[in-house]
């Protein structure tokens, strides 16, 4: 019996109320909020395409959930993130999604403009073919995508940014080996987290035009 197709969970900060990030000082508060709105819409649109009728956005802070809901495409459900550490909030959101869908989940943030069909298809294939966990490691550290069959709090702490991509990869391999999990890996991607990332992306002719416009304003 084949494994059900993964649902998609986007962990998102509301553009107008998210905690300050390293990129914000370079952009300024207004430009940063506009960029985050573009990135949120792109991530939600990717989720809707990758998991029709099984796409979710978990919103931080909780009081901004209604604001974010108005920005989402049809077919994407949203809810407020639970309280606690980042790993705790991801774990609670994953459990909520799994209670609704009963299958594996692909977890992403909003910082990867290059999310495409490849990422969803490759992760789903690995999960279907026996991997317990699928990781997409960011060049700057942390994970841009995490696919799981069950909640994995030890791995949820790796989502977001970290020291560097190779350190994240080694740490993830240790964690999955200690837990006895079969691991699949996607290729490295550059997440948009720092001014250096922004400059590198602006030099890329394949950067989506809406992201390029938000960075160049």
N, C-alpha and C. Protein backbone atom coordinates (compact mmCIF):
# COMPACT_ATOMS: atom_id res chain seq x y z
N UNK A 1 0.85 -1.19 0.00
CA UNK A 1 0.00 0.00 0.00
C UNK A 1 0.89 1.25 0.00
N UNK A 2 0.64 2.16 -0.94
CA UNK A 2 1.50 3.33 -1.07
C UNK A 2 1.22 4.33 0.04
N UNK A 3 2.27 5.11 0.34
CA UNK A 3 2.15 6.15 1.37
C UNK A 3 1.31 7.29 0.84
N UNK A 4 0.49 7.93 1.69
CA UNK A 4 -0.28 9.09 1.22
C UNK A 4 0.64 10.24 0.84
N UNK A 5 0.17 11.08 -0.06
CA UNK A 5 0.95 12.24 -0.47
C UNK A 5 1.14 13.17 0.72
N UNK A 6 2.29 13.84 0.81
CA UNK A 6 2.52 14.73 1.96
C UNK A 6 1.62 15.96 1.93
N UNK A 7 1.24 16.41 3.09
CA UNK A 7 0.68 17.75 3.23
C UNK A 7 1.84 18.73 3.38
N UNK A 8 1.56 20.01 3.33
CA UNK A 8 2.59 21.04 3.44
C UNK A 8 2.23 22.01 4.55
N UNK A 9 3.21 22.31 5.39
CA UNK A 9 3.06 23.25 6.48
C UNK A 9 4.08 24.37 6.31
N UNK A 10 3.61 25.59 6.21
CA UNK A 10 4.47 26.77 6.14
C UNK A 10 4.49 27.43 7.52
N UNK A 11 5.67 27.54 8.11
CA UNK A 11 5.83 28.27 9.36
C UNK A 11 6.16 29.72 9.00
N UNK A 12 5.24 30.65 9.34
CA UNK A 12 5.36 32.01 8.82
C UNK A 12 5.19 33.05 9.91
N UNK A 13 5.96 34.11 9.78
CA UNK A 13 5.75 35.29 10.60
C UNK A 13 4.94 36.31 9.84
N UNK A 14 4.00 36.95 10.51
CA UNK A 14 3.19 37.98 9.85
C UNK A 14 4.10 39.13 9.43
N UNK A 15 3.98 39.62 8.18
CA UNK A 15 4.88 40.69 7.72
C UNK A 15 4.90 41.92 8.61
N UNK A 16 3.77 42.28 9.20
CA UNK A 16 3.69 43.51 9.99
C UNK A 16 4.07 43.31 11.45
N UNK A 17 4.25 42.06 11.89
CA UNK A 17 4.43 41.85 13.33
C UNK A 17 5.45 40.77 13.65
N UNK A 18 6.29 40.40 12.70
CA UNK A 18 7.27 39.34 12.95
C UNK A 18 8.48 39.92 13.70
N UNK A 19 9.21 39.08 14.41
CA UNK A 19 10.42 39.56 15.08
C UNK A 19 11.44 40.08 14.07
N UNK A 20 12.24 41.04 14.46
CA UNK A 20 13.26 41.60 13.57
C UNK A 20 14.26 40.53 13.17
N UNK A 21 14.70 40.58 11.92
CA UNK A 21 15.66 39.63 11.38
C UNK A 21 16.88 40.39 10.86
N UNK A 22 18.03 39.70 10.64
CA UNK A 22 19.23 40.39 10.20
C UNK A 22 19.05 41.21 8.93
N UNK A 23 18.16 40.76 8.04
CA UNK A 23 17.94 41.49 6.79
C UNK A 23 17.20 42.80 6.99
N UNK A 24 16.45 42.92 8.09
CA UNK A 24 15.59 44.08 8.28
C UNK A 24 16.37 45.39 8.40
N UNK A 25 17.51 45.35 9.09
CA UNK A 25 18.28 46.57 9.26
C UNK A 25 18.80 47.08 7.92
N UNK A 26 19.13 46.17 7.02
CA UNK A 26 19.62 46.54 5.69
C UNK A 26 18.50 47.11 4.82
N UNK A 27 17.31 46.53 4.93
CA UNK A 27 16.18 46.95 4.11
C UNK A 27 15.42 48.13 4.69
N UNK A 28 15.36 48.20 6.03
CA UNK A 28 14.45 49.12 6.68
C UNK A 28 13.13 48.42 6.94
N UNK A 29 12.41 48.88 7.95
CA UNK A 29 11.22 48.16 8.42
C UNK A 29 10.15 48.04 7.34
N UNK A 30 9.88 49.13 6.62
CA UNK A 30 8.80 49.10 5.63
C UNK A 30 9.14 48.17 4.47
N UNK A 31 10.36 48.28 3.95
CA UNK A 31 10.76 47.40 2.84
C UNK A 31 10.80 45.95 3.29
N UNK A 32 11.27 45.72 4.52
CA UNK A 32 11.32 44.35 5.03
C UNK A 32 9.92 43.75 5.11
N UNK A 33 8.95 44.53 5.56
CA UNK A 33 7.58 44.03 5.65
C UNK A 33 7.02 43.73 4.26
N UNK A 34 7.32 44.59 3.28
CA UNK A 34 6.84 44.33 1.92
C UNK A 34 7.49 43.07 1.34
N UNK A 35 8.78 42.91 1.59
CA UNK A 35 9.46 41.70 1.12
C UNK A 35 8.86 40.46 1.76
N UNK A 36 8.63 40.50 3.06
CA UNK A 36 8.08 39.34 3.75
C UNK A 36 6.69 38.99 3.24
N UNK A 37 5.91 39.99 2.85
CA UNK A 37 4.59 39.72 2.28
C UNK A 37 4.73 38.97 0.95
N UNK A 38 5.70 39.39 0.13
CA UNK A 38 5.95 38.69 -1.13
C UNK A 38 6.38 37.25 -0.88
N UNK A 39 7.32 37.06 0.06
CA UNK A 39 7.81 35.72 0.36
C UNK A 39 6.72 34.82 0.93
N UNK A 40 5.87 35.40 1.79
CA UNK A 40 4.76 34.62 2.36
C UNK A 40 3.80 34.16 1.27
N UNK A 41 3.44 35.06 0.39
CA UNK A 41 2.52 34.68 -0.70
C UNK A 41 3.14 33.61 -1.59
N UNK A 42 4.44 33.73 -1.86
CA UNK A 42 5.10 32.73 -2.70
C UNK A 42 5.11 31.37 -2.01
N UNK A 43 5.45 31.33 -0.72
CA UNK A 43 5.49 30.06 0.00
C UNK A 43 4.10 29.43 0.08
N UNK A 44 3.08 30.26 0.32
CA UNK A 44 1.71 29.73 0.40
C UNK A 44 1.24 29.22 -0.96
N UNK A 45 1.61 29.93 -2.03
CA UNK A 45 1.25 29.47 -3.37
C UNK A 45 1.93 28.15 -3.71
N UNK A 46 3.21 28.02 -3.30
CA UNK A 46 3.92 26.74 -3.51
C UNK A 46 3.23 25.63 -2.73
N UNK A 47 2.84 25.91 -1.50
CA UNK A 47 2.17 24.90 -0.68
C UNK A 47 0.86 24.45 -1.33
N UNK A 48 0.11 25.41 -1.88
CA UNK A 48 -1.16 25.08 -2.51
C UNK A 48 -0.96 24.20 -3.74
N UNK A 49 0.09 24.46 -4.49
CA UNK A 49 0.37 23.64 -5.68
C UNK A 49 0.90 22.26 -5.29
N UNK A 50 1.74 22.23 -4.26
CA UNK A 50 2.36 20.96 -3.86
C UNK A 50 1.38 20.04 -3.14
N UNK A 51 0.41 20.61 -2.44
CA UNK A 51 -0.51 19.79 -1.64
C UNK A 51 -1.92 20.37 -1.74
N UNK A 52 -2.57 20.21 -2.87
CA UNK A 52 -3.95 20.72 -2.99
C UNK A 52 -4.84 20.15 -1.89
N UNK A 53 -5.56 21.03 -1.23
CA UNK A 53 -6.48 20.68 -0.14
C UNK A 53 -5.76 20.15 1.10
N UNK A 54 -4.43 20.28 1.14
CA UNK A 54 -3.69 19.84 2.32
C UNK A 54 -2.52 20.79 2.59
N UNK A 55 -2.77 22.09 2.40
CA UNK A 55 -1.74 23.11 2.61
C UNK A 55 -2.15 23.99 3.78
N UNK A 56 -1.18 24.26 4.67
CA UNK A 56 -1.45 24.98 5.91
C UNK A 56 -0.36 26.02 6.16
N UNK A 57 -0.75 27.12 6.78
CA UNK A 57 0.20 28.14 7.22
C UNK A 57 -0.01 28.34 8.71
N UNK A 58 1.06 28.16 9.49
CA UNK A 58 1.02 28.41 10.93
C UNK A 58 1.64 29.77 11.19
N UNK A 59 0.90 30.65 11.85
CA UNK A 59 1.23 32.06 11.91
C UNK A 59 1.77 32.46 13.29
N UNK A 60 2.83 33.25 13.26
CA UNK A 60 3.41 33.85 14.45
C UNK A 60 3.51 35.37 14.20
N UNK A 61 3.04 36.24 15.13
CA UNK A 61 2.39 35.96 16.41
C UNK A 61 0.92 35.60 16.22
N UNK A 62 0.34 35.05 17.26
CA UNK A 62 -1.02 34.54 17.16
C UNK A 62 -2.03 35.61 16.80
N UNK A 63 -1.83 36.83 17.28
CA UNK A 63 -2.85 37.87 17.03
C UNK A 63 -2.87 38.32 15.57
N UNK A 64 -1.86 37.91 14.78
CA UNK A 64 -1.80 38.30 13.37
C UNK A 64 -2.36 37.24 12.43
N UNK A 65 -2.96 36.20 12.99
CA UNK A 65 -3.45 35.11 12.15
C UNK A 65 -4.48 35.59 11.14
N UNK A 66 -5.36 36.49 11.53
CA UNK A 66 -6.39 36.99 10.60
C UNK A 66 -5.76 37.80 9.47
N UNK A 67 -4.74 38.59 9.80
CA UNK A 67 -4.02 39.37 8.78
C UNK A 67 -3.43 38.45 7.72
N UNK A 68 -2.77 37.38 8.15
CA UNK A 68 -2.14 36.47 7.22
C UNK A 68 -3.19 35.71 6.42
N UNK A 69 -4.28 35.31 7.04
CA UNK A 69 -5.33 34.56 6.34
C UNK A 69 -5.83 35.31 5.12
N UNK A 70 -5.89 36.65 5.20
CA UNK A 70 -6.36 37.45 4.06
C UNK A 70 -5.37 37.47 2.90
N UNK A 71 -4.14 37.07 3.15
CA UNK A 71 -3.11 37.10 2.11
C UNK A 71 -2.97 35.77 1.37
N UNK A 72 -3.65 34.74 1.82
CA UNK A 72 -3.40 33.39 1.31
C UNK A 72 -4.29 33.07 0.11
N UNK A 73 -3.79 32.22 -0.79
CA UNK A 73 -4.61 31.80 -1.93
C UNK A 73 -5.70 30.84 -1.49
N UNK A 74 -6.72 30.65 -2.31
CA UNK A 74 -7.77 29.69 -1.97
C UNK A 74 -7.19 28.30 -1.75
N UNK A 75 -7.78 27.60 -0.78
CA UNK A 75 -7.36 26.24 -0.51
C UNK A 75 -6.25 26.09 0.50
N UNK A 76 -5.74 27.21 1.02
CA UNK A 76 -4.70 27.16 2.05
C UNK A 76 -5.32 27.56 3.38
N UNK A 77 -5.25 26.68 4.37
CA UNK A 77 -5.78 26.97 5.69
C UNK A 77 -4.70 27.57 6.58
N UNK A 78 -5.09 28.39 7.54
CA UNK A 78 -4.11 28.99 8.45
C UNK A 78 -4.60 28.88 9.88
N UNK A 79 -3.65 28.90 10.79
CA UNK A 79 -3.96 28.90 12.21
C UNK A 79 -2.79 29.52 12.96
N UNK A 80 -3.03 29.94 14.19
CA UNK A 80 -1.99 30.56 15.00
C UNK A 80 -1.05 29.52 15.55
N UNK A 81 0.23 29.85 15.59
CA UNK A 81 1.20 28.96 16.21
C UNK A 81 0.99 28.92 17.72
N UNK A 82 1.34 27.78 18.31
CA UNK A 82 1.25 27.63 19.76
C UNK A 82 2.38 28.40 20.43
N UNK A 83 2.31 28.52 21.74
CA UNK A 83 3.38 29.17 22.50
C UNK A 83 4.54 28.20 22.68
N UNK A 84 5.70 28.75 23.05
CA UNK A 84 6.86 27.92 23.34
C UNK A 84 8.04 28.25 22.45
N UNK A 85 9.08 27.42 22.53
CA UNK A 85 10.25 27.60 21.69
C UNK A 85 9.89 27.32 20.23
N UNK A 86 10.84 27.67 19.34
CA UNK A 86 10.58 27.42 17.93
C UNK A 86 10.31 25.93 17.68
N UNK A 87 11.12 25.06 18.27
CA UNK A 87 10.91 23.63 18.09
C UNK A 87 9.56 23.20 18.64
N UNK A 88 9.15 23.76 19.78
CA UNK A 88 7.85 23.43 20.36
C UNK A 88 6.72 23.86 19.43
N UNK A 89 6.86 25.05 18.85
CA UNK A 89 5.80 25.56 17.98
C UNK A 89 5.68 24.74 16.70
N UNK A 90 6.83 24.33 16.15
CA UNK A 90 6.78 23.47 14.96
C UNK A 90 6.16 22.13 15.31
N UNK A 91 6.54 21.55 16.42
CA UNK A 91 5.99 20.26 16.82
C UNK A 91 4.47 20.32 16.98
N UNK A 92 3.99 21.38 17.63
CA UNK A 92 2.54 21.52 17.82
C UNK A 92 1.83 21.69 16.48
N UNK A 93 2.43 22.46 15.57
CA UNK A 93 1.81 22.67 14.27
C UNK A 93 1.78 21.38 13.45
N UNK A 94 2.88 20.63 13.50
CA UNK A 94 2.93 19.36 12.76
C UNK A 94 1.88 18.39 13.30
N UNK A 95 1.77 18.30 14.62
CA UNK A 95 0.75 17.40 15.19
C UNK A 95 -0.65 17.82 14.75
N UNK A 96 -0.89 19.11 14.70
CA UNK A 96 -2.22 19.59 14.27
C UNK A 96 -2.49 19.22 12.82
N UNK A 97 -1.49 19.42 11.95
CA UNK A 97 -1.67 19.08 10.54
C UNK A 97 -1.87 17.57 10.39
N UNK A 98 -1.05 16.78 11.08
CA UNK A 98 -1.18 15.33 10.95
C UNK A 98 -2.52 14.82 11.47
N UNK A 99 -3.06 15.49 12.47
CA UNK A 99 -4.38 15.10 12.96
C UNK A 99 -5.45 15.33 11.90
N UNK A 100 -5.20 16.32 11.01
CA UNK A 100 -6.16 16.61 9.94
C UNK A 100 -5.96 15.74 8.71
N UNK A 101 -4.71 15.39 8.41
CA UNK A 101 -4.41 14.73 7.14
C UNK A 101 -4.01 13.28 7.28
N UNK A 102 -3.39 12.92 8.41
CA UNK A 102 -3.01 11.55 8.65
C UNK A 102 -1.79 11.06 7.90
N UNK A 103 -1.11 11.94 7.16
CA UNK A 103 0.04 11.51 6.37
C UNK A 103 1.29 12.28 6.70
N UNK A 104 2.35 12.11 5.91
CA UNK A 104 3.59 12.85 6.13
C UNK A 104 3.41 14.34 5.87
N UNK A 105 4.36 15.12 6.33
CA UNK A 105 4.27 16.58 6.22
C UNK A 105 5.60 17.12 5.72
N UNK A 106 5.53 18.07 4.78
CA UNK A 106 6.68 18.86 4.38
C UNK A 106 6.59 20.21 5.07
N UNK A 107 7.63 20.57 5.80
CA UNK A 107 7.65 21.82 6.58
C UNK A 107 8.63 22.78 5.93
N UNK A 108 8.18 23.99 5.66
CA UNK A 108 9.05 25.02 5.09
C UNK A 108 8.81 26.33 5.83
N UNK A 109 9.75 27.26 5.65
CA UNK A 109 9.54 28.63 6.08
C UNK A 109 9.19 29.49 4.88
N UNK A 110 9.50 30.77 4.96
CA UNK A 110 9.17 31.68 3.87
C UNK A 110 10.41 32.29 3.23
N UNK A 111 11.60 31.81 3.58
CA UNK A 111 12.82 32.49 3.16
C UNK A 111 13.48 31.91 1.92
N UNK A 112 12.82 30.99 1.21
CA UNK A 112 13.41 30.40 0.01
C UNK A 112 12.58 30.76 -1.21
N UNK A 113 12.93 31.84 -1.91
CA UNK A 113 12.16 32.22 -3.11
C UNK A 113 12.22 31.18 -4.21
N UNK A 114 13.26 30.32 -4.18
CA UNK A 114 13.45 29.35 -5.26
C UNK A 114 12.68 28.06 -5.06
N UNK A 115 11.81 27.96 -4.07
CA UNK A 115 11.01 26.74 -3.91
C UNK A 115 10.28 26.43 -5.21
N UNK A 116 10.43 25.21 -5.67
CA UNK A 116 9.79 24.83 -6.93
C UNK A 116 9.19 23.44 -6.86
N UNK A 117 8.65 23.01 -7.99
CA UNK A 117 8.04 21.69 -8.05
C UNK A 117 9.05 20.60 -7.68
N UNK A 118 10.33 20.80 -8.07
CA UNK A 118 11.37 19.81 -7.78
C UNK A 118 11.42 19.48 -6.30
N UNK A 119 11.40 20.51 -5.45
CA UNK A 119 11.56 20.28 -4.02
C UNK A 119 10.43 19.41 -3.46
N UNK A 120 9.21 19.73 -3.85
CA UNK A 120 8.07 18.95 -3.37
C UNK A 120 8.12 17.52 -3.90
N UNK A 121 8.42 17.37 -5.19
CA UNK A 121 8.41 16.05 -5.81
C UNK A 121 9.54 15.18 -5.26
N UNK A 122 10.74 15.77 -5.10
CA UNK A 122 11.87 14.99 -4.61
C UNK A 122 11.66 14.56 -3.17
N UNK A 123 11.14 15.47 -2.34
CA UNK A 123 10.91 15.13 -0.94
C UNK A 123 9.82 14.06 -0.82
N UNK A 124 8.74 14.22 -1.58
CA UNK A 124 7.66 13.23 -1.54
C UNK A 124 8.14 11.86 -1.99
N UNK A 125 9.00 11.83 -3.01
CA UNK A 125 9.52 10.56 -3.51
C UNK A 125 10.38 9.88 -2.45
N UNK A 126 11.24 10.65 -1.79
CA UNK A 126 12.07 10.06 -0.73
C UNK A 126 11.21 9.49 0.40
N UNK A 127 10.20 10.23 0.81
CA UNK A 127 9.32 9.76 1.88
C UNK A 127 8.56 8.50 1.44
N UNK A 128 8.14 8.48 0.20
CA UNK A 128 7.41 7.30 -0.30
C UNK A 128 8.30 6.08 -0.40
N UNK A 129 9.59 6.31 -0.70
CA UNK A 129 10.51 5.20 -0.94
C UNK A 129 11.23 4.72 0.31
N UNK A 130 10.80 5.16 1.49
CA UNK A 130 11.31 4.58 2.71
C UNK A 130 12.09 5.49 3.63
N UNK A 131 12.33 6.74 3.23
CA UNK A 131 13.01 7.66 4.14
C UNK A 131 12.05 8.09 5.25
N UNK A 132 12.56 8.11 6.47
CA UNK A 132 11.77 8.61 7.59
C UNK A 132 11.77 10.13 7.62
N UNK A 133 12.87 10.73 7.16
CA UNK A 133 13.07 12.17 7.22
C UNK A 133 13.74 12.61 5.93
N UNK A 134 13.33 13.78 5.42
CA UNK A 134 14.00 14.39 4.26
C UNK A 134 14.40 15.80 4.65
N UNK A 135 15.67 16.15 4.38
CA UNK A 135 16.20 17.46 4.75
C UNK A 135 16.60 18.25 3.51
N UNK A 136 16.27 19.54 3.52
CA UNK A 136 16.83 20.51 2.59
C UNK A 136 17.64 21.50 3.41
N UNK A 137 18.95 21.52 3.23
CA UNK A 137 19.85 22.33 4.05
C UNK A 137 20.15 23.64 3.36
N UNK A 138 20.05 24.75 4.10
CA UNK A 138 20.39 26.07 3.57
C UNK A 138 21.90 26.28 3.59
N UNK A 139 22.41 26.99 2.60
CA UNK A 139 23.84 27.27 2.52
C UNK A 139 24.32 27.98 3.79
N UNK A 140 23.53 28.91 4.29
CA UNK A 140 23.91 29.67 5.47
C UNK A 140 23.64 28.97 6.78
N UNK A 141 23.13 27.74 6.74
CA UNK A 141 22.81 27.00 7.94
C UNK A 141 21.32 26.89 8.16
N UNK A 142 20.92 25.88 8.90
CA UNK A 142 19.50 25.62 9.12
C UNK A 142 18.90 24.84 7.97
N UNK A 143 17.61 24.61 8.04
CA UNK A 143 16.90 23.83 7.04
C UNK A 143 15.89 24.72 6.32
N UNK A 144 15.83 24.60 4.99
CA UNK A 144 14.77 25.29 4.26
C UNK A 144 13.57 24.38 4.06
N UNK A 145 13.75 23.06 4.22
CA UNK A 145 12.65 22.10 4.10
C UNK A 145 12.95 20.91 4.99
N UNK A 146 11.92 20.42 5.62
CA UNK A 146 12.01 19.20 6.43
C UNK A 146 10.77 18.37 6.18
N UNK A 147 10.97 17.15 5.70
CA UNK A 147 9.86 16.23 5.48
C UNK A 147 9.89 15.14 6.53
N UNK A 148 8.75 14.85 7.15
CA UNK A 148 8.70 13.86 8.23
C UNK A 148 7.44 13.01 8.13
N UNK A 149 7.57 11.79 8.62
CA UNK A 149 6.40 10.91 8.77
C UNK A 149 5.78 11.05 10.15
N UNK A 150 6.55 11.56 11.10
CA UNK A 150 6.06 11.73 12.47
C UNK A 150 6.78 12.93 13.08
N UNK A 151 6.22 13.56 14.12
CA UNK A 151 6.89 14.70 14.74
C UNK A 151 8.30 14.34 15.21
N UNK A 152 9.26 15.20 14.94
CA UNK A 152 10.66 14.97 15.29
C UNK A 152 11.22 16.22 15.96
N UNK A 153 10.92 16.44 17.25
CA UNK A 153 11.34 17.68 17.92
C UNK A 153 12.85 17.93 17.87
N UNK A 154 13.67 16.88 17.87
CA UNK A 154 15.11 17.07 17.84
C UNK A 154 15.56 17.70 16.52
N UNK A 155 14.82 17.45 15.45
CA UNK A 155 15.14 18.04 14.15
C UNK A 155 14.48 19.39 13.96
N UNK A 156 13.36 19.62 14.61
CA UNK A 156 12.67 20.89 14.42
C UNK A 156 13.53 22.07 14.86
N UNK A 157 14.41 21.84 15.82
CA UNK A 157 15.29 22.91 16.28
C UNK A 157 16.26 23.35 15.20
N UNK A 158 16.45 22.55 14.14
CA UNK A 158 17.38 22.91 13.06
C UNK A 158 16.73 23.78 12.00
N UNK A 159 15.41 23.92 12.03
CA UNK A 159 14.75 24.78 11.05
C UNK A 159 15.18 26.23 11.24
N UNK A 160 15.22 26.98 10.15
CA UNK A 160 15.66 28.38 10.24
C UNK A 160 17.14 28.49 9.99
N UNK A 161 17.79 29.48 10.59
CA UNK A 161 19.20 29.70 10.31
C UNK A 161 20.08 29.04 11.35
N UNK A 162 21.34 28.85 11.03
CA UNK A 162 22.29 28.22 11.93
C UNK A 162 23.69 28.71 11.64
N UNK A 163 24.69 27.95 12.03
CA UNK A 163 26.08 28.38 11.84
C UNK A 163 26.48 28.37 10.37
N UNK A 164 26.30 27.27 9.71
CA UNK A 164 26.56 27.13 8.28
C UNK A 164 25.94 25.83 7.81
N UNK A 165 25.86 25.68 6.49
CA UNK A 165 25.17 24.52 5.95
C UNK A 165 25.81 23.20 6.30
N UNK A 166 27.13 23.13 6.25
CA UNK A 166 27.80 21.87 6.53
C UNK A 166 27.64 21.47 8.00
N UNK A 167 27.69 22.45 8.91
CA UNK A 167 27.47 22.15 10.33
C UNK A 167 26.05 21.61 10.53
N UNK A 168 25.08 22.24 9.87
CA UNK A 168 23.70 21.77 9.97
C UNK A 168 23.58 20.34 9.45
N UNK A 169 24.22 20.08 8.30
CA UNK A 169 24.14 18.74 7.72
C UNK A 169 24.74 17.68 8.66
N UNK A 170 25.91 17.97 9.23
CA UNK A 170 26.54 17.01 10.14
C UNK A 170 25.68 16.78 11.37
N UNK A 171 25.13 17.87 11.92
CA UNK A 171 24.28 17.76 13.11
C UNK A 171 23.05 16.92 12.78
N UNK A 172 22.43 17.19 11.65
CA UNK A 172 21.23 16.45 11.28
C UNK A 172 21.54 14.96 11.10
N UNK A 173 22.68 14.66 10.49
CA UNK A 173 23.05 13.25 10.32
C UNK A 173 23.25 12.56 11.67
N UNK A 174 23.86 13.26 12.61
CA UNK A 174 24.04 12.67 13.95
C UNK A 174 22.69 12.41 14.61
N UNK A 175 21.81 13.41 14.54
CA UNK A 175 20.51 13.28 15.18
C UNK A 175 19.72 12.12 14.58
N UNK A 176 19.67 12.05 13.26
CA UNK A 176 18.89 10.98 12.63
C UNK A 176 19.52 9.62 12.89
N UNK A 177 20.85 9.54 12.91
CA UNK A 177 21.51 8.26 13.21
C UNK A 177 21.21 7.82 14.63
N UNK A 178 21.24 8.77 15.58
CA UNK A 178 20.95 8.43 16.98
C UNK A 178 19.51 7.95 17.15
N UNK A 179 18.61 8.49 16.34
CA UNK A 179 17.21 8.11 16.43
C UNK A 179 16.88 6.89 15.57
N UNK A 180 17.86 6.40 14.80
CA UNK A 180 17.63 5.25 13.94
C UNK A 180 16.73 5.55 12.76
N UNK A 181 16.81 6.77 12.21
CA UNK A 181 15.95 7.20 11.13
C UNK A 181 16.68 7.12 9.79
N UNK A 182 15.96 6.67 8.77
CA UNK A 182 16.49 6.67 7.40
C UNK A 182 16.37 8.08 6.84
N UNK A 183 17.48 8.62 6.30
CA UNK A 183 17.56 10.03 5.94
C UNK A 183 17.68 10.22 4.44
N UNK A 184 16.90 11.16 3.91
CA UNK A 184 17.04 11.62 2.53
C UNK A 184 17.47 13.07 2.52
N UNK A 185 18.27 13.46 1.51
CA UNK A 185 18.81 14.81 1.44
C UNK A 185 18.47 15.45 0.08
N UNK A 186 17.95 16.66 0.12
CA UNK A 186 17.84 17.49 -1.07
C UNK A 186 19.14 18.29 -1.22
N UNK A 187 19.30 18.97 -2.36
CA UNK A 187 20.53 19.73 -2.54
C UNK A 187 20.47 21.05 -1.77
N UNK A 188 21.64 21.63 -1.55
CA UNK A 188 21.73 22.91 -0.86
C UNK A 188 20.98 23.99 -1.63
N UNK A 189 20.40 24.94 -0.91
CA UNK A 189 19.79 26.14 -1.49
C UNK A 189 20.19 27.34 -0.64
N UNK A 190 20.18 28.50 -1.26
CA UNK A 190 20.44 29.74 -0.52
C UNK A 190 19.12 30.33 -0.03
N UNK A 191 18.95 30.38 1.27
CA UNK A 191 17.78 31.05 1.86
C UNK A 191 18.07 32.54 1.99
N UNK A 192 17.03 33.33 2.00
CA UNK A 192 17.16 34.79 2.08
C UNK A 192 17.08 35.21 3.54
N UNK A 193 18.25 35.37 4.17
CA UNK A 193 18.29 35.66 5.60
C UNK A 193 19.16 36.85 5.94
N UNK A 194 20.15 37.18 5.11
CA UNK A 194 21.12 38.23 5.43
C UNK A 194 21.30 39.15 4.23
N UNK A 195 21.91 40.33 4.43
CA UNK A 195 22.23 41.18 3.28
C UNK A 195 23.11 40.47 2.25
N UNK A 196 24.02 39.62 2.69
CA UNK A 196 24.86 38.87 1.76
C UNK A 196 24.02 37.96 0.87
N UNK A 197 23.01 37.32 1.48
CA UNK A 197 22.10 36.49 0.68
C UNK A 197 21.36 37.33 -0.34
N UNK A 198 20.90 38.52 0.08
CA UNK A 198 20.15 39.39 -0.82
C UNK A 198 21.01 39.81 -2.01
N UNK A 199 22.27 40.18 -1.74
CA UNK A 199 23.15 40.60 -2.83
C UNK A 199 23.41 39.44 -3.80
N UNK A 200 23.63 38.25 -3.25
CA UNK A 200 23.85 37.09 -4.11
C UNK A 200 22.62 36.79 -4.96
N UNK A 201 21.44 36.90 -4.38
CA UNK A 201 20.22 36.62 -5.14
C UNK A 201 19.98 37.66 -6.22
N UNK A 202 20.28 38.93 -5.92
CA UNK A 202 20.08 39.98 -6.91
C UNK A 202 21.00 39.81 -8.12
N UNK A 203 22.11 39.10 -7.94
CA UNK A 203 23.02 38.82 -9.05
C UNK A 203 22.57 37.61 -9.88
N UNK A 204 21.54 36.93 -9.43
CA UNK A 204 21.05 35.72 -10.10
C UNK A 204 19.93 36.10 -11.07
N UNK A 205 20.11 35.89 -12.37
CA UNK A 205 19.05 36.26 -13.33
C UNK A 205 17.79 35.43 -13.18
N UNK A 206 17.86 34.33 -12.44
CA UNK A 206 16.68 33.49 -12.25
C UNK A 206 15.87 33.86 -11.01
N UNK A 207 16.31 34.90 -10.28
CA UNK A 207 15.54 35.33 -9.11
C UNK A 207 14.14 35.76 -9.55
N UNK A 208 13.08 35.27 -8.91
CA UNK A 208 11.73 35.67 -9.30
C UNK A 208 11.57 37.19 -9.32
N UNK A 209 10.93 37.75 -10.35
CA UNK A 209 10.85 39.20 -10.48
C UNK A 209 10.20 39.91 -9.30
N UNK A 210 9.18 39.29 -8.68
CA UNK A 210 8.53 39.98 -7.56
C UNK A 210 9.47 40.09 -6.36
N UNK A 211 10.34 39.10 -6.16
CA UNK A 211 11.32 39.16 -5.07
C UNK A 211 12.39 40.18 -5.41
N UNK A 212 12.86 40.18 -6.65
CA UNK A 212 13.87 41.15 -7.07
C UNK A 212 13.34 42.58 -6.90
N UNK A 213 12.09 42.81 -7.29
CA UNK A 213 11.51 44.14 -7.15
C UNK A 213 11.44 44.56 -5.69
N UNK A 214 11.06 43.64 -4.80
CA UNK A 214 10.96 43.97 -3.38
C UNK A 214 12.33 44.28 -2.79
N UNK A 215 13.36 43.59 -3.25
CA UNK A 215 14.72 43.84 -2.74
C UNK A 215 15.29 45.14 -3.30
N UNK A 216 14.89 45.53 -4.51
CA UNK A 216 15.48 46.70 -5.16
C UNK A 216 14.75 47.98 -4.86
N UNK A 217 13.57 47.91 -4.24
CA UNK A 217 12.79 49.13 -3.99
C UNK A 217 13.63 50.19 -3.32
